[in-house]
Protein backbone atom coordinates (compact mmCIF):
# COMPACT_ATOMS: atom_id res chain seq x y z
CA MET A 1 5.96 36.91 23.81
CA LYS A 2 4.78 38.86 20.76
CA ARG A 3 8.05 38.13 18.96
CA THR A 4 7.66 34.42 19.65
CA LEU A 5 4.13 34.40 18.25
CA ALA A 6 5.25 36.37 15.19
CA LEU A 7 8.12 33.94 14.62
CA LEU A 8 5.78 30.95 14.88
CA ALA A 9 3.36 32.58 12.43
CA VAL A 10 6.15 33.20 9.91
CA LEU A 11 7.42 29.63 10.25
CA GLY A 12 3.89 28.33 9.72
CA LEU A 13 3.49 30.37 6.55
CA MET A 14 6.82 29.10 5.27
CA GLN A 15 5.58 25.51 5.63
CA ALA A 16 2.29 26.08 3.76
CA PRO A 17 3.77 25.83 0.22
CA THR A 18 5.51 22.59 1.22
CA ALA A 19 2.26 21.10 2.48
CA LEU A 20 0.45 22.13 -0.70
CA ALA A 21 3.18 20.64 -2.86
CA GLN A 22 2.97 17.36 -0.96
CA GLY A 23 -0.77 17.26 -1.68
CA GLN A 24 -0.02 17.74 -5.38
CA ASP A 25 2.57 14.93 -5.26
CA GLN A 26 -0.11 12.56 -4.00
CA GLY A 27 -2.08 13.04 -7.22
CA TRP A 28 -4.70 15.53 -6.00
CA GLY A 29 -5.43 18.47 -8.20
CA ASN A 30 -7.84 21.30 -7.85
CA GLN A 31 -11.34 21.31 -6.49
CA PHE A 32 -14.01 21.74 -9.16
CA SER A 33 -16.12 24.88 -9.00
CA PRO A 34 -19.89 24.30 -8.97
CA GLY A 35 -20.04 25.31 -12.64
CA GLU A 36 -17.22 22.93 -13.59
CA ALA A 37 -18.92 20.11 -11.70
CA ARG A 38 -22.23 20.72 -13.51
CA GLU A 39 -20.42 20.81 -16.86
CA ALA A 40 -18.60 17.54 -16.12
CA VAL A 41 -21.94 15.83 -15.36
CA LYS A 42 -23.56 17.36 -18.44
CA GLU A 43 -20.71 16.10 -20.65
CA GLY A 44 -20.92 12.62 -19.09
CA ARG A 45 -17.43 12.79 -17.55
CA THR A 46 -18.80 12.32 -14.02
CA VAL A 47 -21.73 10.56 -12.41
CA PRO A 48 -24.33 12.93 -10.91
CA LEU A 49 -23.77 13.38 -7.21
CA SER A 50 -27.47 12.68 -6.57
CA ARG A 51 -26.99 9.11 -7.88
CA ILE A 52 -24.08 8.57 -5.50
CA PHE A 53 -26.14 9.96 -2.61
CA GLN A 54 -28.91 7.47 -3.43
CA SER A 55 -26.40 4.63 -3.31
CA LEU A 56 -24.94 5.81 0.01
CA LYS A 57 -28.45 6.25 1.42
CA ARG A 58 -29.25 2.61 0.55
CA GLU A 59 -26.00 1.38 2.08
CA TYR A 60 -25.75 3.53 5.22
CA GLY A 61 -29.05 5.34 5.66
CA GLY A 62 -28.60 8.88 6.92
CA TYR A 63 -27.54 11.86 4.84
CA GLN A 64 -24.58 13.77 3.44
CA LEU A 65 -22.77 16.37 5.51
CA GLY A 66 -20.57 17.65 2.71
CA ALA A 67 -19.30 16.72 -0.73
CA ASP A 68 -16.60 18.06 -3.04
CA LEU A 69 -15.32 17.07 -6.47
CA TYR A 70 -11.55 17.02 -7.05
CA SER A 71 -9.49 16.38 -10.16
CA GLN A 72 -6.63 13.90 -9.89
CA GLY A 73 -3.25 14.09 -11.55
CA SER A 74 -4.13 10.98 -13.57
CA GLY A 75 -6.89 12.91 -15.34
CA GLY A 76 -9.74 11.37 -13.38
CA ALA A 77 -11.84 12.90 -10.65
CA VAL A 78 -13.12 11.84 -7.24
CA TYR A 79 -15.91 12.89 -4.94
CA GLU A 80 -14.92 13.32 -1.30
CA ILE A 81 -18.08 12.87 0.76
CA ASP A 82 -18.76 13.15 4.48
CA TRP A 83 -21.82 11.10 5.44
CA LEU A 84 -23.77 10.75 8.70
CA THR A 85 -25.32 7.30 9.10
CA ASP A 86 -28.70 6.58 10.68
CA ASP A 87 -26.97 5.39 13.84
CA GLY A 88 -24.93 8.61 14.17
CA ARG A 89 -21.57 7.48 12.77
CA LYS A 90 -19.63 9.87 10.54
CA VAL A 91 -18.14 8.18 7.48
CA HIS A 92 -15.77 9.72 4.94
CA VAL A 93 -16.15 8.18 1.48
CA THR A 94 -14.00 8.65 -1.62
CA VAL A 95 -15.89 7.82 -4.82
CA ASP A 96 -14.61 7.50 -8.39
CA ALA A 97 -16.53 10.33 -10.07
CA GLN A 98 -16.59 8.61 -13.46
CA THR A 99 -17.95 5.24 -12.35
CA GLY A 100 -19.60 6.01 -9.00
CA ALA A 101 -17.64 3.19 -7.34
CA ILE A 102 -16.49 3.63 -3.75
CA ILE A 103 -12.70 3.75 -3.72
CA ARG A 104 -12.17 4.18 0.02
CA GLN A 105 -14.16 4.71 3.17
CA SER A 106 -13.07 5.56 6.68
CA GLY A 107 -14.59 6.37 10.01
CA GLY A 108 -17.70 5.22 11.72
């Protein structure tokens, strides 16, 4: 039993680089650190997250559950935001960080 679990763990670890590479192939880069995100807003490369939250609040009501800023292979950046609506639905929203436009939404 222990050997089987160890084998499964090793196989899982062998697949991790492949999964990461596939994410890179889809155009996703690294997540911004908080300092990098602040600098991008300060330099005018990204819209402040607070402005996007205001827009989502007007559209859905509710509040944010989580938000991250990611660079894309094309040189742009996107916010990935999880939002809880007033009626209890969870919505995942992808927002163009430069323009503040919603690119994609799912859930709810």
